[in-house]
PDB file of N, CA and C in Angstrom:
ATOM      1  N   MET A   1     -13.664 -24.057   4.565  1.00  0.00           N
ATOM      2  CA  MET A   1     -12.949 -23.203   3.669  1.00  0.00           C
ATOM      3  C   MET A   1     -12.588 -23.995   2.406  1.00  0.00           C
ATOM      4  N   ALA A   2     -12.996 -23.495   1.260  1.00  0.00           N
ATOM      5  CA  ALA A   2     -12.726 -24.142  -0.025  1.00  0.00           C
ATOM      6  C   ALA A   2     -11.347 -23.722  -0.544  1.00  0.00           C
ATOM      7  N   VAL A   3     -10.668 -24.666  -1.148  1.00  0.00           N
ATOM      8  CA  VAL A   3      -9.351 -24.397  -1.710  1.00  0.00           C
ATOM      9  C   VAL A   3      -9.463 -24.483  -3.229  1.00  0.00           C
ATOM     10  N   ASP A   4      -8.956 -23.482  -3.907  1.00  0.00           N
ATOM     11  CA  ASP A   4      -9.000 -23.449  -5.367  1.00  0.00           C
ATOM     12  C   ASP A   4      -7.889 -24.330  -5.934  1.00  0.00           C
ATOM     13  N   LEU A   5      -8.272 -25.444  -6.544  1.00  0.00           N
ATOM     14  CA  LEU A   5      -7.311 -26.380  -7.131  1.00  0.00           C
ATOM     15  C   LEU A   5      -7.298 -26.309  -8.654  1.00  0.00           C
ATOM     16  N   SER A   6      -7.912 -25.294  -9.210  1.00  0.00           N
ATOM     17  CA  SER A   6      -8.026 -25.199 -10.660  1.00  0.00           C
ATOM     18  C   SER A   6      -6.674 -25.109 -11.357  1.00  0.00           C
ATOM     19  N   PHE A   7      -5.659 -24.607 -10.671  1.00  0.00           N
ATOM     20  CA  PHE A   7      -4.333 -24.527 -11.289  1.00  0.00           C
ATOM     21  C   PHE A   7      -3.862 -25.891 -11.758  1.00  0.00           C
ATOM     22  N   TYR A   8      -4.168 -26.934 -10.997  1.00  0.00           N
ATOM     23  CA  TYR A   8      -3.664 -28.272 -11.303  1.00  0.00           C
ATOM     24  C   TYR A   8      -4.269 -28.870 -12.567  1.00  0.00           C
ATOM     25  N   THR A   9      -5.322 -28.284 -13.070  1.00  0.00           N
ATOM     26  CA  THR A   9      -5.923 -28.747 -14.319  1.00  0.00           C
ATOM     27  C   THR A   9      -5.834 -27.685 -15.407  1.00  0.00           C
ATOM     28  N   SER A  10      -5.109 -26.639 -15.151  1.00  0.00           N
ATOM     29  CA  SER A  10      -4.999 -25.534 -16.098  1.00  0.00           C
ATOM     30  C   SER A  10      -4.023 -25.880 -17.222  1.00  0.00           C
ATOM     31  N   PRO A  11      -4.121 -25.190 -18.350  1.00  0.00           N
ATOM     32  CA  PRO A  11      -3.162 -25.396 -19.440  1.00  0.00           C
ATOM     33  C   PRO A  11      -1.717 -25.157 -19.007  1.00  0.00           C
ATOM     34  N   LEU A  12      -1.490 -24.183 -18.151  1.00  0.00           N
ATOM     35  CA  LEU A  12      -0.138 -23.912 -17.671  1.00  0.00           C
ATOM     36  C   LEU A  12       0.401 -25.104 -16.882  1.00  0.00           C
ATOM     37  N   SER A  13      -0.424 -25.662 -16.029  1.00  0.00           N
ATOM     38  CA  SER A  13      -0.024 -26.813 -15.245  1.00  0.00           C
ATOM     39  C   SER A  13       0.297 -28.002 -16.150  1.00  0.00           C
ATOM     40  N   GLU A  14      -0.518 -28.219 -17.160  1.00  0.00           N
ATOM     41  CA  GLU A  14      -0.279 -29.311 -18.107  1.00  0.00           C
ATOM     42  C   GLU A  14       1.032 -29.090 -18.862  1.00  0.00           C
ATOM     43  N   GLU A  15       1.308 -27.866 -19.226  1.00  0.00           N
ATOM     44  CA  GLU A  15       2.556 -27.544 -19.926  1.00  0.00           C
ATOM     45  C   GLU A  15       3.768 -27.809 -19.022  1.00  0.00           C
ATOM     46  N   ILE A  16       3.653 -27.429 -17.776  1.00  0.00           N
ATOM     47  CA  ILE A  16       4.745 -27.663 -16.827  1.00  0.00           C
ATOM     48  C   ILE A  16       4.992 -29.161 -16.666  1.00  0.00           C
ATOM     49  N   ARG A  17       3.935 -29.943 -16.551  1.00  0.00           N
ATOM     50  CA  ARG A  17       4.083 -31.401 -16.432  1.00  0.00           C
ATOM     51  C   ARG A  17       4.727 -31.982 -17.683  1.00  0.00           C
ATOM     52  N   ALA A  18       4.298 -31.530 -18.863  1.00  0.00           N
ATOM     53  CA  ALA A  18       4.855 -32.032 -20.123  1.00  0.00           C
ATOM     54  C   ALA A  18       6.342 -31.708 -20.228  1.00  0.00           C
ATOM     55  N   GLN A  19       6.730 -30.528 -19.798  1.00  0.00           N
ATOM     56  CA  GLN A  19       8.147 -30.158 -19.816  1.00  0.00           C
ATOM     57  C   GLN A  19       8.953 -31.058 -18.885  1.00  0.00           C
ATOM     58  N   GLY A  20       8.388 -31.363 -17.735  1.00  0.00           N
ATOM     59  CA  GLY A  20       9.057 -32.256 -16.792  1.00  0.00           C
ATOM     60  C   GLY A  20       9.203 -33.656 -17.343  1.00  0.00           C
ATOM     61  N   GLU A  21       8.166 -34.139 -18.023  1.00  0.00           N
ATOM     62  CA  GLU A  21       8.217 -35.471 -18.622  1.00  0.00           C
ATOM     63  C   GLU A  21       9.250 -35.523 -19.739  1.00  0.00           C
ATOM     64  N   ALA A  22       9.318 -34.475 -20.551  1.00  0.00           N
ATOM     65  CA  ALA A  22      10.299 -34.421 -21.634  1.00  0.00           C
ATOM     66  C   ALA A  22      11.719 -34.389 -21.067  1.00  0.00           C
ATOM     67  N   ARG A  23      11.914 -33.633 -20.012  1.00  0.00           N
ATOM     68  CA  ARG A  23      13.234 -33.546 -19.379  1.00  0.00           C
ATOM     69  C   ARG A  23      13.639 -34.916 -18.824  1.00  0.00           C
ATOM     70  N   ARG A  24      12.694 -35.612 -18.208  1.00  0.00           N
ATOM     71  CA  ARG A  24      12.972 -36.934 -17.643  1.00  0.00           C
ATOM     72  C   ARG A  24      13.291 -37.935 -18.756  1.00  0.00           C
ATOM     73  N   ALA A  25      12.545 -37.873 -19.852  1.00  0.00           N
ATOM     74  CA  ALA A  25      12.797 -38.777 -20.974  1.00  0.00           C
ATOM     75  C   ALA A  25      14.184 -38.533 -21.555  1.00  0.00           C
ATOM     76  N   ALA A  26      14.584 -37.275 -21.665  1.00  0.00           N
ATOM     77  CA  ALA A  26      15.915 -36.941 -22.178  1.00  0.00           C
ATOM     78  C   ALA A  26      16.989 -37.494 -21.242  1.00  0.00           C
ATOM     79  N   GLU A  27      16.768 -37.355 -19.947  1.00  0.00           N
ATOM     80  CA  GLU A  27      17.724 -37.896 -18.976  1.00  0.00           C
ATOM     81  C   GLU A  27      17.841 -39.409 -19.121  1.00  0.00           C
ATOM     82  N   ASP A  28      16.716 -40.080 -19.349  1.00  0.00           N
ATOM     83  CA  ASP A  28      16.730 -41.532 -19.521  1.00  0.00           C
ATOM     84  C   ASP A  28      17.528 -41.937 -20.757  1.00  0.00           C
ATOM     85  N   VAL A  29      17.305 -41.244 -21.861  1.00  0.00           N
ATOM     86  CA  VAL A  29      18.036 -41.537 -23.102  1.00  0.00           C
ATOM     87  C   VAL A  29      19.532 -41.356 -22.881  1.00  0.00           C
ATOM     88  N   LEU A  30      19.906 -40.242 -22.279  1.00  0.00           N
ATOM     89  CA  LEU A  30      21.325 -39.972 -22.041  1.00  0.00           C
ATOM     90  C   LEU A  30      21.933 -40.974 -21.068  1.00  0.00           C
ATOM     91  N   THR A  31      21.196 -41.347 -20.052  1.00  0.00           N
ATOM     92  CA  THR A  31      21.698 -42.303 -19.072  1.00  0.00           C
ATOM     93  C   THR A  31      21.975 -43.658 -19.710  1.00  0.00           C
ATOM     94  N   VAL A  32      21.049 -44.133 -20.529  1.00  0.00           N
ATOM     95  CA  VAL A  32      21.254 -45.439 -21.175  1.00  0.00           C
ATOM     96  C   VAL A  32      22.470 -45.389 -22.094  1.00  0.00           C
ATOM     97  N   LEU A  33      22.585 -44.338 -22.886  1.00  0.00           N
ATOM     98  CA  LEU A  33      23.746 -44.219 -23.769  1.00  0.00           C
ATOM     99  C   LEU A  33      25.043 -44.217 -22.959  1.00  0.00           C
ATOM    100  N   GLU A  34      25.068 -43.434 -21.912  1.00  0.00           N
ATOM    101  CA  GLU A  34      26.284 -43.329 -21.099  1.00  0.00           C
ATOM    102  C   GLU A  34      26.591 -44.642 -20.377  1.00  0.00           C
ATOM    103  N   GLN A  35      25.582 -45.331 -19.880  1.00  0.00           N
ATOM    104  CA  GLN A  35      25.796 -46.602 -19.199  1.00  0.00           C
ATOM    105  C   GLN A  35      26.287 -47.686 -20.158  1.00  0.00           C
ATOM    106  N   ARG A  36      25.923 -47.546 -21.414  1.00  0.00           N
ATOM    107  CA  ARG A  36      26.405 -48.487 -22.423  1.00  0.00           C
ATOM    108  C   ARG A  36      27.798 -48.118 -22.912  1.00  0.00           C
ATOM    109  N   GLY A  37      28.353 -47.015 -22.396  1.00  0.00           N
ATOM    110  CA  GLY A  37      29.694 -46.601 -22.778  1.00  0.00           C
ATOM    111  C   GLY A  37      29.758 -45.892 -24.117  1.00  0.00           C
ATOM    112  N   ILE A  38      28.635 -45.350 -24.546  1.00  0.00           N
ATOM    113  CA  ILE A  38      28.568 -44.663 -25.832  1.00  0.00           C
ATOM    114  C   ILE A  38      28.815 -43.175 -25.606  1.00  0.00           C
ATOM    115  N   LEU A  39      29.799 -42.642 -26.302  1.00  0.00           N
ATOM    116  CA  LEU A  39      30.127 -41.221 -26.220  1.00  0.00           C
ATOM    117  C   LEU A  39      28.972 -40.398 -26.772  1.00  0.00           C
ATOM    118  N   VAL A  40      28.581 -39.366 -26.044  1.00  0.00           N
ATOM    119  CA  VAL A  40      27.477 -38.495 -26.472  1.00  0.00           C
ATOM    120  C   VAL A  40      28.050 -37.110 -26.754  1.00  0.00           C
ATOM    121  N   PRO A  41      28.242 -36.801 -28.050  1.00  0.00           N
ATOM    122  CA  PRO A  41      28.756 -35.466 -28.391  1.00  0.00           C
ATOM    123  C   PRO A  41      27.781 -34.367 -27.949  1.00  0.00           C
ATOM    124  N   GLU A  42      28.306 -33.177 -27.744  1.00  0.00           N
ATOM    125  CA  GLU A  42      27.485 -32.061 -27.266  1.00  0.00           C
ATOM    126  C   GLU A  42      26.310 -31.767 -28.202  1.00  0.00           C
ATOM    127  N   ALA A  43      26.515 -31.854 -29.507  1.00  0.00           N
ATOM    128  CA  ALA A  43      25.425 -31.583 -30.454  1.00  0.00           C
ATOM    129  C   ALA A  43      24.288 -32.589 -30.285  1.00  0.00           C
ATOM    130  N   VAL A  44      24.628 -33.842 -30.042  1.00  0.00           N
ATOM    131  CA  VAL A  44      23.614 -34.878 -29.824  1.00  0.00           C
ATOM    132  C   VAL A  44      22.905 -34.620 -28.498  1.00  0.00           C
ATOM    133  N   ARG A  45      23.662 -34.307 -27.461  1.00  0.00           N
ATOM    134  CA  ARG A  45      23.088 -34.014 -26.148  1.00  0.00           C
ATOM    135  C   ARG A  45      22.091 -32.855 -26.246  1.00  0.00           C
ATOM    136  N   GLU A  46      22.451 -31.810 -26.975  1.00  0.00           N
ATOM    137  CA  GLU A  46      21.561 -30.653 -27.125  1.00  0.00           C
ATOM    138  C   GLU A  46      20.285 -31.015 -27.880  1.00  0.00           C
ATOM    139  N   ARG A  47      20.430 -31.855 -28.907  1.00  0.00           N
ATOM    140  CA  ARG A  47      19.240 -32.268 -29.671  1.00  0.00           C
ATOM    141  C   ARG A  47      18.306 -33.097 -28.792  1.00  0.00           C
ATOM    142  N   ILE A  48      18.876 -33.983 -27.997  1.00  0.00           N
ATOM    143  CA  ILE A  48      18.068 -34.822 -27.111  1.00  0.00           C
ATOM    144  C   ILE A  48      17.359 -33.964 -26.063  1.00  0.00           C
ATOM    145  N   THR A  49      18.094 -33.097 -25.398  1.00  0.00           N
ATOM    146  CA  THR A  49      17.499 -32.289 -24.331  1.00  0.00           C
ATOM    147  C   THR A  49      16.544 -31.229 -24.871  1.00  0.00           C
ATOM    148  N   GLY A  50      16.652 -30.902 -26.149  1.00  0.00           N
ATOM    149  CA  GLY A  50      15.763 -29.916 -26.746  1.00  0.00           C
ATOM    150  C   GLY A  50      14.472 -30.489 -27.293  1.00  0.00           C
ATOM    151  N   CYS A  51      14.364 -31.811 -27.330  1.00  0.00           N
ATOM    152  CA  CYS A  51      13.169 -32.449 -27.879  1.00  0.00           C
ATOM    153  C   CYS A  51      12.029 -32.403 -26.866  1.00  0.00           C
ATOM    154  N   THR A  52      10.842 -32.053 -27.340  1.00  0.00           N
ATOM    155  CA  THR A  52       9.674 -32.000 -26.463  1.00  0.00           C
ATOM    156  C   THR A  52       8.565 -32.946 -26.916  1.00  0.00           C
ATOM    157  N   ASP A  53       8.799 -33.713 -27.965  1.00  0.00           N
ATOM    158  CA  ASP A  53       7.789 -34.635 -28.500  1.00  0.00           C
ATOM    159  C   ASP A  53       7.921 -35.993 -27.809  1.00  0.00           C
ATOM    160  N   PRO A  54       6.916 -36.397 -27.042  1.00  0.00           N
ATOM    161  CA  PRO A  54       7.022 -37.656 -26.301  1.00  0.00           C
ATOM    162  C   PRO A  54       7.142 -38.881 -27.200  1.00  0.00           C
ATOM    163  N   HIS A  55       6.538 -38.844 -28.380  1.00  0.00           N
ATOM    164  CA  HIS A  55       6.626 -39.984 -29.302  1.00  0.00           C
ATOM    165  C   HIS A  55       8.038 -40.131 -29.854  1.00  0.00           C
ATOM    166  N   VAL A  56       8.649 -39.025 -30.183  1.00  0.00           N
ATOM    167  CA  VAL A  56      10.033 -39.038 -30.669  1.00  0.00           C
ATOM    168  C   VAL A  56      10.958 -39.529 -29.569  1.00  0.00           C
ATOM    169  N   MET A  57      10.769 -39.023 -28.357  1.00  0.00           N
ATOM    170  CA  MET A  57      11.610 -39.443 -27.243  1.00  0.00           C
ATOM    171  C   MET A  57      11.472 -40.938 -26.987  1.00  0.00           C
ATOM    172  N   SER A  58      10.268 -41.458 -27.121  1.00  0.00           N
ATOM    173  CA  SER A  58      10.035 -42.884 -26.928  1.00  0.00           C
ATOM    174  C   SER A  58      10.793 -43.701 -27.976  1.00  0.00           C
ATOM    175  N   ASP A  59      10.757 -43.251 -29.222  1.00  0.00           N
ATOM    176  CA  ASP A  59      11.508 -43.920 -30.290  1.00  0.00           C
ATOM    177  C   ASP A  59      13.002 -43.881 -29.997  1.00  0.00           C
ATOM    178  N   TRP A  60      13.494 -42.720 -29.610  1.00  0.00           N
ATOM    179  CA  TRP A  60      14.922 -42.579 -29.313  1.00  0.00           C
ATOM    180  C   TRP A  60      15.321 -43.483 -28.158  1.00  0.00           C
ATOM    181  N   PHE A  61      14.467 -43.554 -27.135  1.00  0.00           N
ATOM    182  CA  PHE A  61      14.793 -44.396 -25.988  1.00  0.00           C
ATOM    183  C   PHE A  61      14.931 -45.851 -26.413  1.00  0.00           C
ATOM    184  N   ARG A  62      13.988 -46.347 -27.206  1.00  0.00           N
ATOM    185  CA  ARG A  62      14.065 -47.736 -27.673  1.00  0.00           C
ATOM    186  C   ARG A  62      15.341 -47.974 -28.469  1.00  0.00           C
ATOM    187  N   ARG A  63      15.731 -47.003 -29.260  1.00  0.00           N
ATOM    188  CA  ARG A  63      16.942 -47.158 -30.072  1.00  0.00           C
ATOM    189  C   ARG A  63      18.212 -47.164 -29.230  1.00  0.00           C
ATOM    190  N   THR A  64      18.173 -46.545 -28.049  1.00  0.00           N
ATOM    191  CA  THR A  64      19.381 -46.520 -27.216  1.00  0.00           C
ATOM    192  C   THR A  64      19.833 -47.920 -26.834  1.00  0.00           C
ATOM    193  N   LEU A  65      18.938 -48.871 -26.891  1.00  0.00           N
ATOM    194  CA  LEU A  65      19.258 -50.234 -26.470  1.00  0.00           C
ATOM    195  C   LEU A  65      20.105 -50.994 -27.483  1.00  0.00           C
ATOM    196  N   THR A  66      20.132 -50.524 -28.745  1.00  0.00           N
ATOM    197  CA  THR A  66      20.817 -51.295 -29.782  1.00  0.00           C
ATOM    198  C   THR A  66      21.838 -50.519 -30.607  1.00  0.00           C
ATOM    199  N   VAL A  67      21.873 -49.202 -30.495  1.00  0.00           N
ATOM    200  CA  VAL A  67      22.764 -48.414 -31.343  1.00  0.00           C
ATOM    201  C   VAL A  67      24.224 -48.569 -30.936  1.00  0.00           C
ATOM    202  N   ALA A  68      25.105 -48.319 -31.904  1.00  0.00           N
ATOM    203  CA  ALA A  68      26.543 -48.352 -31.638  1.00  0.00           C
ATOM    204  C   ALA A  68      27.097 -46.951 -31.389  1.00  0.00           C
ATOM    205  N   THR A  69      26.405 -45.932 -31.916  1.00  0.00           N
ATOM    206  CA  THR A  69      26.819 -44.547 -31.702  1.00  0.00           C
ATOM    207  C   THR A  69      25.599 -43.735 -31.286  1.00  0.00           C
ATOM    208  N   ALA A  70      25.834 -42.633 -30.598  1.00  0.00           N
ATOM    209  CA  ALA A  70      24.729 -41.791 -30.134  1.00  0.00           C
ATOM    210  C   ALA A  70      23.927 -41.220 -31.313  1.00  0.00           C
ATOM    211  N   GLU A  71      24.602 -40.911 -32.396  1.00  0.00           N
ATOM    212  CA  GLU A  71      23.925 -40.319 -33.548  1.00  0.00           C
ATOM    213  C   GLU A  71      22.888 -41.278 -34.157  1.00  0.00           C
ATOM    214  N   GLU A  72      23.069 -42.577 -33.973  1.00  0.00           N
ATOM    215  CA  GLU A  72      22.162 -43.560 -34.562  1.00  0.00           C
ATOM    216  C   GLU A  72      20.772 -43.531 -33.941  1.00  0.00           C
ATOM    217  N   ILE A  73      20.616 -42.939 -32.764  1.00  0.00           N
ATOM    218  CA  ILE A  73      19.271 -42.933 -32.172  1.00  0.00           C
ATOM    219  C   ILE A  73      18.313 -42.099 -33.009  1.00  0.00           C
ATOM    220  N   PHE A  74      18.837 -41.198 -33.815  1.00  0.00           N
ATOM    221  CA  PHE A  74      17.988 -40.340 -34.636  1.00  0.00           C
ATOM    222  C   PHE A  74      17.451 -41.061 -35.862  1.00  0.00           C
ATOM    223  N   GLY A  75      17.950 -42.253 -36.146  1.00  0.00           N
ATOM    224  CA  GLY A  75      17.439 -43.044 -37.263  1.00  0.00           C
ATOM    225  C   GLY A  75      17.593 -42.317 -38.582  1.00  0.00           C
ATOM    226  N   ASP A  76      16.561 -42.391 -39.383  1.00  0.00           N
ATOM    227  CA  ASP A  76      16.558 -41.802 -40.722  1.00  0.00           C
ATOM    228  C   ASP A  76      16.020 -40.379 -40.740  1.00  0.00           C
ATOM    229  N   GLU A  77      15.919 -39.769 -39.595  1.00  0.00           N
ATOM    230  CA  GLU A  77      15.324 -38.417 -39.518  1.00  0.00           C
ATOM    231  C   GLU A  77      16.158 -37.403 -40.250  1.00  0.00           C
TER     232      GLU A  77
END
């Protein structure tokens, strides 16, 4: 009996994976900020959790290691 595995390579499946990766990246950014004792205002939290660009999230994550305030992770954007 053959099993149809095409869903796992479908555009919908890829979109679901990308959303999960973005959510995980946002959690990582927030966790580092919070562990460093940096207050994360609700507006910043919403911007972080609303981002779906993996390159932007990667930049923000790197910045979490050196910023003094949560707003600084956004750089010159």
